Amino acid sequence: MFRRYRPGKIRYILWALSQLPRADTSCPNCGDQRTSQVKRKALVTALYECEQCRLLFRVPKDAPDNNATFYQDQYTEGFTTELPSDERLLELMNSHFAGTEKDFSDYINVLRSLGVTPGKVMVDFGASWGYGSWQLREAGYTVYSHEIGKRRAEFAKQKLGCTLIEHFDEIAGSIDCFFSAHVIEHLPDPKYIWSVARKVLKPNGHVVLFMPNGNPVRRSKPGYHHLWGEVHPLLLTPESLRYMASQAGFSDTDYRSSPYGTKRYVDGDELMFTACRRTPERP
């Protein structure tokens, strides 16, 4: 019996096959050549680990131009990308998205526990159609939203009243918290997210990132290797995130995983990573 693939998956497999003869296995974060294969799946895709920064990444790697085209024209991910009808949107807003996969109440509780309290100014990086930015705004934050998908960005602006930004120079140095939920794992170059955070944050501003948990302690768990592939070219580990933060000039890093309670837990499905842009004390 033949497995039936959706058109997008067939397109990905054909693309990956075309890349195999010249596949680059250097780290997309630090550029180190000392990488090794961890897992192979679907014959044409492999997971590699960087010896220096401990990033896990998919081979073949994405080119930035191809990545941008994919998220404009081809990316579909259920609730994340499907624009709701006016009637459904009203229901979601009236319930504050409670009971849905895009309920941000846990994220808002985490932000408050970190001292990012209502009234602070935030960037929601990778805001999709605005469901998270709207909830953050309703919780009392001032929110600037960034989304590369033009159709989703326009929906966020017109239907949820989000303040969209395309260029980060206009808010440079004015942000208290750089927030991003399930975006960094989609990027061909993870350094980009850190360069943007450094540009927009005030001194002592916070970075708060959420993503699938690539912690190696979970490697034997069922579903671990479903976290990377066509849509997720990166699988982030605490060690790789600490390396990135340090290289970008951030300190006071911390991480934990869902569920986000009072106990520090690192073995859950979702990883949270935080860092701070500290300024040197004056002598």
C-alpha atoms as a PDB file:
ATOM      1  CA  MET A   1       0.000   0.000   0.000  1.00  0.00           C
ATOM      2  CA  PHE A   2       1.318   3.419  -0.966  1.00  0.00           C
ATOM      3  CA  ARG A   3       1.237   6.268   1.532  1.00  0.00           C
ATOM      4  CA  ARG A   4      -0.847   9.196   0.309  1.00  0.00           C
ATOM      5  CA  TYR A   5       0.988  12.522   0.681  1.00  0.00           C
ATOM      6  CA  ARG A   6      -0.634  15.947   0.524  1.00  0.00           C
ATOM      7  CA  PRO A   7       0.551  18.190  -2.364  1.00  0.00           C
ATOM      8  CA  GLY A   8       2.672  20.326  -0.053  1.00  0.00           C
ATOM      9  CA  LYS A   9       4.469  17.278   1.311  1.00  0.00           C
ATOM     10  CA  ILE A  10       5.187  16.012  -2.206  1.00  0.00           C
ATOM     11  CA  ARG A  11       6.576  19.433  -3.103  1.00  0.00           C
ATOM     12  CA  TYR A  12       8.811  19.330  -0.023  1.00  0.00           C
ATOM     13  CA  ILE A  13      10.080  15.802  -0.760  1.00  0.00           C
ATOM     14  CA  LEU A  14      10.941  16.740  -4.348  1.00  0.00           C
ATOM     15  CA  TRP A  15      12.715  19.879  -3.153  1.00  0.00           C
ATOM     16  CA  ALA A  16      14.650  17.921  -0.518  1.00  0.00           C
ATOM     17  CA  LEU A  17      15.705  15.335  -3.102  1.00  0.00           C
ATOM     18  CA  SER A  18      17.046  18.100  -5.322  1.00  0.00           C
ATOM     19  CA  GLN A  19      19.139  19.419  -2.429  1.00  0.00           C
ATOM     20  CA  LEU A  20      20.717  16.140  -1.337  1.00  0.00           C
ATOM     21  CA  PRO A  21      23.721  16.162  -3.721  1.00  0.00           C
ATOM     22  CA  ARG A  22      24.888  19.493  -2.303  1.00  0.00           C
ATOM     23  CA  ALA A  23      23.387  19.405   1.193  1.00  0.00           C
ATOM     24  CA  ASP A  24      25.199  21.755   3.585  1.00  0.00           C
ATOM     25  CA  THR A  25      25.559  20.305   7.083  1.00  0.00           C
ATOM     26  CA  SER A  26      27.189  23.325   8.737  1.00  0.00           C
ATOM     27  CA  CYS A  27      25.306  24.856  11.670  1.00  0.00           C
ATOM     28  CA  PRO A  28      22.782  27.540  10.552  1.00  0.00           C
ATOM     29  CA  ASN A  29      23.381  29.414  13.814  1.00  0.00           C
ATOM     30  CA  CYS A  30      27.123  29.505  14.480  1.00  0.00           C
ATOM     31  CA  GLY A  31      28.412  28.167  11.152  1.00  0.00           C
ATOM     32  CA  ASP A  32      30.488  25.430  12.774  1.00  0.00           C
ATOM     33  CA  GLN A  33      31.257  22.446  10.534  1.00  0.00           C
ATOM     34  CA  ARG A  34      31.455  20.014  13.466  1.00  0.00           C
ATOM     35  CA  THR A  35      27.968  18.594  13.209  1.00  0.00           C
ATOM     36  CA  SER A  36      26.675  15.033  13.364  1.00  0.00           C
ATOM     37  CA  GLN A  37      23.512  13.260  12.302  1.00  0.00           C
ATOM     38  CA  VAL A  38      21.078  12.401  15.094  1.00  0.00           C
ATOM     39  CA  LYS A  39      18.118  11.018  13.170  1.00  0.00           C
ATOM     40  CA  ARG A  40      16.948  10.456   9.613  1.00  0.00           C
ATOM     41  CA  LYS A  41      13.332  10.263   8.490  1.00  0.00           C
ATOM     42  CA  ALA A  42      11.336  10.188   5.246  1.00  0.00           C
ATOM     43  CA  LEU A  43      14.626   9.201   3.511  1.00  0.00           C
ATOM     44  CA  VAL A  44      15.312  12.775   2.378  1.00  0.00           C
ATOM     45  CA  THR A  45      15.399  14.583   5.743  1.00  0.00           C
ATOM     46  CA  ALA A  46      17.864  14.353   8.620  1.00  0.00           C
ATOM     47  CA  LEU A  47      18.323  15.995  12.016  1.00  0.00           C
ATOM     48  CA  TYR A  48      21.848  17.220  12.792  1.00  0.00           C
ATOM     49  CA  GLU A  49      23.374  18.529  16.007  1.00  0.00           C
ATOM     50  CA  CYS A  50      26.057  21.207  16.263  1.00  0.00           C
ATOM     51  CA  GLU A  51      28.957  20.337  18.548  1.00  0.00           C
ATOM     52  CA  GLN A  52      29.673  23.972  19.387  1.00  0.00           C
ATOM     53  CA  CYS A  53      26.255  25.557  20.091  1.00  0.00           C
ATOM     54  CA  ARG A  54      24.130  22.386  20.446  1.00  0.00           C
ATOM     55  CA  LEU A  55      21.476  23.522  18.008  1.00  0.00           C
ATOM     56  CA  LEU A  56      19.501  20.728  16.359  1.00  0.00           C
ATOM     57  CA  PHE A  57      18.635  21.486  12.743  1.00  0.00           C
ATOM     58  CA  ARG A  58      17.120  19.913   9.666  1.00  0.00           C
ATOM     59  CA  VAL A  59      19.140  18.972   6.588  1.00  0.00           C
ATOM     60  CA  PRO A  60      18.566  20.072   3.888  1.00  0.00           C
ATOM     61  CA  LYS A  61      18.452  23.591   5.269  1.00  0.00           C
ATOM     62  CA  ASP A  62      16.161  26.389   4.089  1.00  0.00           C
ATOM     63  CA  ALA A  63      17.364  29.437   2.193  1.00  0.00           C
ATOM     64  CA  PRO A  64      15.896  32.684   3.603  1.00  0.00           C
ATOM     65  CA  ASP A  65      14.192  33.568   0.300  1.00  0.00           C
ATOM     66  CA  ASN A  66      12.546  30.162   0.041  1.00  0.00           C
ATOM     67  CA  ASN A  67      11.440  30.390   3.660  1.00  0.00           C
ATOM     68  CA  ALA A  68       9.754  33.766   3.102  1.00  0.00           C
ATOM     69  CA  THR A  69       7.916  32.468   0.036  1.00  0.00           C
ATOM     70  CA  PHE A  70       6.727  29.397   1.925  1.00  0.00           C
ATOM     71  CA  TYR A  71       5.165  31.466   4.730  1.00  0.00           C
ATOM     72  CA  GLN A  72       3.529  33.850   2.286  1.00  0.00           C
ATOM     73  CA  ASP A  73       1.972  31.333  -0.086  1.00  0.00           C
ATOM     74  CA  GLN A  74       2.083  27.761   1.214  1.00  0.00           C
ATOM     75  CA  TYR A  75       2.087  27.605   5.029  1.00  0.00           C
ATOM     76  CA  THR A  76      -1.076  26.157   6.583  1.00  0.00           C
ATOM     77  CA  GLU A  77      -1.296  25.091  10.218  1.00  0.00           C
ATOM     78  CA  GLY A  78      -4.923  24.841  11.307  1.00  0.00           C
ATOM     79  CA  PHE A  79      -5.976  27.432  13.878  1.00  0.00           C
ATOM     80  CA  THR A  80      -2.619  29.185  13.556  1.00  0.00           C
ATOM     81  CA  THR A  81      -3.195  30.255   9.949  1.00  0.00           C
ATOM     82  CA  GLU A  82      -6.915  29.800   9.179  1.00  0.00           C
ATOM     83  CA  LEU A  83      -8.693  33.142   9.354  1.00  0.00           C
ATOM     84  CA  PRO A  84     -11.986  32.791  11.249  1.00  0.00           C
ATOM     85  CA  SER A  85     -15.322  34.112  10.014  1.00  0.00           C
ATOM     86  CA  ASP A  86     -16.678  37.266  11.629  1.00  0.00           C
ATOM     87  CA  GLU A  87     -19.121  35.173  13.650  1.00  0.00           C
ATOM     88  CA  ARG A  88     -16.440  32.795  14.891  1.00  0.00           C
ATOM     89  CA  LEU A  89     -14.067  35.655  15.661  1.00  0.00           C
ATOM     90  CA  LEU A  90     -16.717  37.338  17.786  1.00  0.00           C
ATOM     91  CA  GLU A  91     -17.215  34.106  19.741  1.00  0.00           C
ATOM     92  CA  LEU A  92     -13.472  33.797  20.309  1.00  0.00           C
ATOM     93  CA  MET A  93     -13.108  37.382  21.472  1.00  0.00           C
ATOM     94  CA  ASN A  94     -16.110  37.159  23.792  1.00  0.00           C
ATOM     95  CA  SER A  95     -14.551  34.102  25.455  1.00  0.00           C
ATOM     96  CA  HIS A  96     -11.013  35.550  25.360  1.00  0.00           C
ATOM     97  CA  PHE A  97     -10.044  32.402  23.425  1.00  0.00           C
ATOM     98  CA  ALA A  98     -10.617  30.252  26.525  1.00  0.00           C
ATOM     99  CA  GLY A  99     -10.584  26.536  25.840  1.00  0.00           C
ATOM    100  CA  THR A 100      -8.809  26.904  22.480  1.00  0.00           C
ATOM    101  CA  GLU A 101      -5.236  26.043  21.544  1.00  0.00           C
ATOM    102  CA  LYS A 102      -4.534  29.778  21.258  1.00  0.00           C
ATOM    103  CA  ASP A 103      -5.540  30.683  24.802  1.00  0.00           C
ATOM    104  CA  PHE A 104      -2.667  32.921  25.993  1.00  0.00           C
ATOM    105  CA  SER A 105      -3.653  32.967  29.670  1.00  0.00           C
ATOM    106  CA  ASP A 106      -0.695  30.727  30.665  1.00  0.00           C
ATOM    107  CA  TYR A 107       1.707  32.951  28.734  1.00  0.00           C
ATOM    108  CA  ILE A 108       0.290  36.058  30.410  1.00  0.00           C
ATOM    109  CA  ASN A 109       0.722  34.453  33.842  1.00  0.00           C
ATOM    110  CA  VAL A 110       4.328  33.616  32.980  1.00  0.00           C
ATOM    111  CA  LEU A 111       4.999  37.197  31.873  1.00  0.00           C
ATOM    112  CA  ARG A 112       3.624  38.569  35.131  1.00  0.00           C
ATOM    113  CA  SER A 113       5.750  36.143  37.141  1.00  0.00           C
ATOM    114  CA  LEU A 114       8.820  37.460  35.313  1.00  0.00           C
ATOM    115  CA  GLY A 115       7.969  41.035  36.240  1.00  0.00           C
ATOM    116  CA  VAL A 116       6.631  41.913  32.791  1.00  0.00           C
ATOM    117  CA  THR A 117       3.499  43.430  34.231  1.00  0.00           C
ATOM    118  CA  PRO A 118       0.516  45.052  32.477  1.00  0.00           C
ATOM    119  CA  GLY A 119       1.420  48.503  31.203  1.00  0.00           C
ATOM    120  CA  LYS A 120       4.696  47.327  29.700  1.00  0.00           C
ATOM    121  CA  VAL A 121       5.380  47.755  25.975  1.00  0.00           C
ATOM    122  CA  MET A 122       5.819  44.543  23.981  1.00  0.00           C
ATOM    123  CA  VAL A 123       6.595  43.207  20.545  1.00  0.00           C
ATOM    124  CA  ASP A 124       4.670  40.102  19.470  1.00  0.00           C
ATOM    125  CA  PHE A 125       7.078  38.690  16.894  1.00  0.00           C
ATOM    126  CA  GLY A 126       5.291  36.353  14.493  1.00  0.00           C
ATOM    127  CA  ALA A 127       1.795  37.456  15.435  1.00  0.00           C
ATOM    128  CA  SER A 128      -0.061  35.500  12.715  1.00  0.00           C
ATOM    129  CA  TRP A 129      -3.648  36.830  12.501  1.00  0.00           C
ATOM    130  CA  GLY A 130      -3.445  38.617  15.849  1.00  0.00           C
ATOM    131  CA  TYR A 131      -5.001  36.217  18.361  1.00  0.00           C
ATOM    132  CA  GLY A 132      -2.071  36.541  20.787  1.00  0.00           C
ATOM    133  CA  SER A 133      -1.510  40.273  20.341  1.00  0.00           C
ATOM    134  CA  TRP A 134      -5.200  40.906  21.037  1.00  0.00           C
ATOM    135  CA  GLN A 135      -5.112  38.871  24.260  1.00  0.00           C
ATOM    136  CA  LEU A 136      -1.917  40.588  25.416  1.00  0.00           C
ATOM    137  CA  ARG A 137      -3.517  43.953  24.740  1.00  0.00           C
ATOM    138  CA  GLU A 138      -6.662  42.937  26.618  1.00  0.00           C
ATOM    139  CA  ALA A 139      -4.427  41.980  29.563  1.00  0.00           C
ATOM    140  CA  GLY A 140      -3.135  45.552  29.726  1.00  0.00           C
ATOM    141  CA  TYR A 141       0.002  45.543  27.594  1.00  0.00           C
ATOM    142  CA  THR A 142       0.863  47.929  24.777  1.00  0.00           C
ATOM    143  CA  VAL A 143       1.590  45.615  21.861  1.00  0.00           C
ATOM    144  CA  TYR A 144       3.315  46.037  18.506  1.00  0.00           C
ATOM    145  CA  SER A 145       2.707  43.088  16.185  1.00  0.00           C
ATOM    146  CA  HIS A 146       5.012  41.785  13.461  1.00  0.00           C
ATOM    147  CA  GLU A 147       3.887  39.219  10.884  1.00  0.00           C
ATOM    148  CA  ILE A 148       5.428  38.445   7.479  1.00  0.00           C
ATOM    149  CA  GLY A 149       2.264  36.839   6.073  1.00  0.00           C
ATOM    150  CA  LYS A 150       0.533  39.824   4.468  1.00  0.00           C
ATOM    151  CA  ARG A 151      -2.972  38.338   4.499  1.00  0.00           C
ATOM    152  CA  ARG A 152      -2.724  37.366   8.167  1.00  0.00           C
ATOM    153  CA  ALA A 153      -1.182  40.716   9.092  1.00  0.00           C
ATOM    154  CA  GLU A 154      -3.988  42.612   7.370  1.00  0.00           C
ATOM    155  CA  PHE A 155      -6.582  40.506   9.195  1.00  0.00           C
ATOM    156  CA  ALA A 156      -4.891  41.269  12.539  1.00  0.00           C
ATOM    157  CA  LYS A 157      -4.947  44.964  11.761  1.00  0.00           C
ATOM    158  CA  GLN A 158      -8.477  45.233  10.382  1.00  0.00           C
ATOM    159  CA  LYS A 159     -10.351  42.685  12.520  1.00  0.00           C
ATOM    160  CA  LEU A 160      -8.525  42.761  15.857  1.00  0.00           C
ATOM    161  CA  GLY A 161      -7.164  46.312  15.871  1.00  0.00           C
ATOM    162  CA  CYS A 162      -3.537  45.220  16.147  1.00  0.00           C
ATOM    163  CA  THR A 163      -0.753  47.742  15.624  1.00  0.00           C
ATOM    164  CA  LEU A 164       1.352  46.195  12.857  1.00  0.00           C
ATOM    165  CA  ILE A 165       4.969  47.113  12.219  1.00  0.00           C
ATOM    166  CA  GLU A 166       7.110  46.091   9.250  1.00  0.00           C
ATOM    167  CA  HIS A 167      10.374  47.835  10.100  1.00  0.00           C
ATOM    168  CA  PHE A 168      11.908  47.660  13.546  1.00  0.00           C
ATOM    169  CA  ASP A 169      13.783  50.949  13.302  1.00  0.00           C
ATOM    170  CA  GLU A 170      10.553  52.773  14.165  1.00  0.00           C
ATOM    171  CA  ILE A 171      10.435  51.180  17.646  1.00  0.00           C
ATOM    172  CA  ALA A 172      14.166  50.756  18.316  1.00  0.00           C
ATOM    173  CA  GLY A 173      15.040  51.042  21.995  1.00  0.00           C
ATOM    174  CA  SER A 174      11.446  51.504  23.157  1.00  0.00           C
ATOM    175  CA  ILE A 175      10.322  47.973  24.062  1.00  0.00           C
ATOM    176  CA  ASP A 176      10.184  46.379  27.516  1.00  0.00           C
ATOM    177  CA  CYS A 177       9.604  42.804  26.355  1.00  0.00           C
ATOM    178  CA  PHE A 178      10.322  40.967  23.124  1.00  0.00           C
ATOM    179  CA  PHE A 179       7.772  38.137  23.043  1.00  0.00           C
ATOM    180  CA  SER A 180       7.527  35.312  20.541  1.00  0.00           C
ATOM    181  CA  ALA A 181       5.505  32.095  20.677  1.00  0.00           C
ATOM    182  CA  HIS A 182       6.359  29.224  18.345  1.00  0.00           C
ATOM    183  CA  VAL A 183       8.273  31.233  15.760  1.00  0.00           C
ATOM    184  CA  ILE A 184      12.026  30.712  16.246  1.00  0.00           C
ATOM    185  CA  GLU A 185      11.791  27.037  15.243  1.00  0.00           C
ATOM    186  CA  HIS A 186      10.532  28.162  11.805  1.00  0.00           C
ATOM    187  CA  LEU A 187      13.504  30.426  11.016  1.00  0.00           C
ATOM    188  CA  PRO A 188      16.352  29.413   8.681  1.00  0.00           C
ATOM    189  CA  ASP A 189      18.679  31.699  10.673  1.00  0.00           C
ATOM    190  CA  PRO A 190      17.865  31.913  14.409  1.00  0.00           C
ATOM    191  CA  LYS A 191      20.313  34.780  14.900  1.00  0.00           C
ATOM    192  CA  TYR A 192      17.765  37.066  13.225  1.00  0.00           C
ATOM    193  CA  ILE A 193      15.333  36.926  16.131  1.00  0.00           C
ATOM    194  CA  TRP A 194      18.107  37.883  18.557  1.00  0.00           C
ATOM    195  CA  SER A 195      19.301  40.782  16.407  1.00  0.00           C
ATOM    196  CA  VAL A 196      15.762  42.169  16.282  1.00  0.00           C
ATOM    197  CA  ALA A 197      15.354  41.760  20.042  1.00  0.00           C
ATOM    198  CA  ARG A 198      18.625  43.596  20.657  1.00  0.00           C
ATOM    199  CA  LYS A 199      17.535  46.431  18.376  1.00  0.00           C
ATOM    200  CA  VAL A 200      14.098  47.045  19.882  1.00  0.00           C
ATOM    201  CA  LEU A 201      14.632  46.416  23.602  1.00  0.00           C
ATOM    202  CA  LYS A 202      15.287  49.030  26.234  1.00  0.00           C
ATOM    203  CA  PRO A 203      18.211  48.440  28.615  1.00  0.00           C
ATOM    204  CA  ASN A 204      17.189  45.669  31.025  1.00  0.00           C
ATOM    205  CA  GLY A 205      14.431  44.561  28.646  1.00  0.00           C
ATOM    206  CA  HIS A 206      13.315  40.935  28.533  1.00  0.00           C
ATOM    207  CA  VAL A 207      13.228  38.310  25.808  1.00  0.00           C
ATOM    208  CA  VAL A 208      10.540  35.665  26.371  1.00  0.00           C
ATOM    209  CA  LEU A 209      10.380  32.832  23.840  1.00  0.00           C
ATOM    210  CA  PHE A 210       8.145  29.764  23.650  1.00  0.00           C
ATOM    211  CA  MET A 211       8.804  26.833  21.308  1.00  0.00           C
ATOM    212  CA  PRO A 212       8.688  23.020  21.026  1.00  0.00           C
ATOM    213  CA  ASN A 213      10.961  21.479  23.636  1.00  0.00           C
ATOM    214  CA  GLY A 214      14.065  20.024  21.994  1.00  0.00           C
ATOM    215  CA  ASN A 215      15.782  19.289  25.315  1.00  0.00           C
ATOM    216  CA  PRO A 216      17.891  16.132  24.757  1.00  0.00           C
ATOM    217  CA  VAL A 217      16.460  14.603  27.950  1.00  0.00           C
ATOM    218  CA  ARG A 218      13.247  14.121  25.950  1.00  0.00           C
ATOM    219  CA  ARG A 219      14.863  12.409  22.959  1.00  0.00           C
ATOM    220  CA  SER A 220      13.477   8.961  23.764  1.00  0.00           C
ATOM    221  CA  LYS A 221       9.930  10.229  24.276  1.00  0.00           C
ATOM    222  CA  PRO A 222       7.233   9.381  21.698  1.00  0.00           C
ATOM    223  CA  GLY A 223       6.631  12.298  19.372  1.00  0.00           C
ATOM    224  CA  TYR A 224      10.009  13.965  19.907  1.00  0.00           C
ATOM    225  CA  HIS A 225      10.987  13.552  16.259  1.00  0.00           C
ATOM    226  CA  HIS A 226       7.635  14.923  15.088  1.00  0.00           C
ATOM    227  CA  LEU A 227       8.814  18.318  16.360  1.00  0.00           C
ATOM    228  CA  TRP A 228      11.195  18.901  13.429  1.00  0.00           C
ATOM    229  CA  GLY A 229      10.914  18.500   9.679  1.00  0.00           C
ATOM    230  CA  GLU A 230       9.355  20.361   6.765  1.00  0.00           C
ATOM    231  CA  VAL A 231       7.763  23.170   8.787  1.00  0.00           C
ATOM    232  CA  HIS A 232      10.231  23.259  11.685  1.00  0.00           C
ATOM    233  CA  PRO A 233      13.815  23.366  10.363  1.00  0.00           C
ATOM    234  CA  LEU A 234      15.144  23.984  13.895  1.00  0.00           C
ATOM    235  CA  LEU A 235      14.753  22.117  17.175  1.00  0.00           C
ATOM    236  CA  LEU A 236      15.904  24.313  20.041  1.00  0.00           C
ATOM    237  CA  THR A 237      17.690  23.094  23.156  1.00  0.00           C
ATOM    238  CA  PRO A 238      18.391  25.064  26.345  1.00  0.00           C
ATOM    239  CA  GLU A 239      22.109  24.926  25.549  1.00  0.00           C
ATOM    240  CA  SER A 240      21.647  26.314  22.042  1.00  0.00           C
ATOM    241  CA  LEU A 241      19.455  29.139  23.329  1.00  0.00           C
ATOM    242  CA  ARG A 242      21.969  30.065  26.004  1.00  0.00           C
ATOM    243  CA  TYR A 243      24.684  30.197  23.361  1.00  0.00           C
ATOM    244  CA  MET A 244      22.566  32.442  21.114  1.00  0.00           C
ATOM    245  CA  ALA A 245      21.636  34.751  23.972  1.00  0.00           C
ATOM    246  CA  SER A 246      25.258  35.109  25.072  1.00  0.00           C
ATOM    247  CA  GLN A 247      26.467  35.820  21.526  1.00  0.00           C
ATOM    248  CA  ALA A 248      23.800  38.527  21.183  1.00  0.00           C
ATOM    249  CA  GLY A 249      24.792  40.214  24.451  1.00  0.00           C
ATOM    250  CA  PHE A 250      22.014  38.890  26.688  1.00  0.00           C
ATOM    251  CA  SER A 251      22.413  37.473  30.176  1.00  0.00           C
ATOM    252  CA  ASP A 252      20.326  36.223  33.135  1.00  0.00           C
ATOM    253  CA  THR A 253      19.045  33.354  31.025  1.00  0.00           C
ATOM    254  CA  ASP A 254      16.584  30.801  32.329  1.00  0.00           C
ATOM    255  CA  TYR A 255      14.404  28.050  30.945  1.00  0.00           C
ATOM    256  CA  ARG A 256      11.625  25.715  31.979  1.00  0.00           C
ATOM    257  CA  SER A 257       8.882  23.768  30.299  1.00  0.00           C
ATOM    258  CA  SER A 258       5.152  23.306  30.421  1.00  0.00           C
ATOM    259  CA  PRO A 259       3.228  23.085  32.661  1.00  0.00           C
ATOM    260  CA  TYR A 260       4.385  26.436  34.035  1.00  0.00           C
ATOM    261  CA  GLY A 261       3.795  26.167  37.755  1.00  0.00           C
ATOM    262  CA  THR A 262       5.819  27.090  40.782  1.00  0.00           C
ATOM    263  CA  LYS A 263       8.116  24.066  40.376  1.00  0.00           C
ATOM    264  CA  ARG A 264      10.849  24.248  37.767  1.00  0.00           C
ATOM    265  CA  TYR A 265      10.007  21.616  35.177  1.00  0.00           C
ATOM    266  CA  VAL A 266      12.109  20.869  32.060  1.00  0.00           C
ATOM    267  CA  ASP A 267      10.560  17.745  30.555  1.00  0.00           C
ATOM    268  CA  GLY A 268       7.272  19.073  29.140  1.00  0.00           C
ATOM    269  CA  ASP A 269       6.219  19.477  25.520  1.00  0.00           C
ATOM    270  CA  GLU A 270       6.813  23.233  25.321  1.00  0.00           C
ATOM    271  CA  LEU A 271      10.015  25.077  26.204  1.00  0.00           C
ATOM    272  CA  MET A 272      10.152  28.611  27.594  1.00  0.00           C
ATOM    273  CA  PHE A 273      13.407  30.551  27.448  1.00  0.00           C
ATOM    274  CA  THR A 274      14.039  33.982  28.938  1.00  0.00           C
ATOM    275  CA  ALA A 275      16.955  36.401  28.813  1.00  0.00           C
ATOM    276  CA  CYS A 276      17.625  40.001  29.765  1.00  0.00           C
ATOM    277  CA  ARG A 277      19.526  42.779  28.055  1.00  0.00           C
ATOM    278  CA  ARG A 278      21.504  43.986  31.044  1.00  0.00           C
ATOM    279  CA  THR A 279      23.547  47.162  30.845  1.00  0.00           C
ATOM    280  CA  PRO A 280      26.938  47.419  32.591  1.00  0.00           C
ATOM    281  CA  GLU A 281      26.870  49.219  35.919  1.00  0.00           C
ATOM    282  CA  ARG A 282      28.608  52.548  35.938  1.00  0.00           C
ATOM    283  CA  PRO A 283      31.749  52.713  38.085  1.00  0.00           C
END
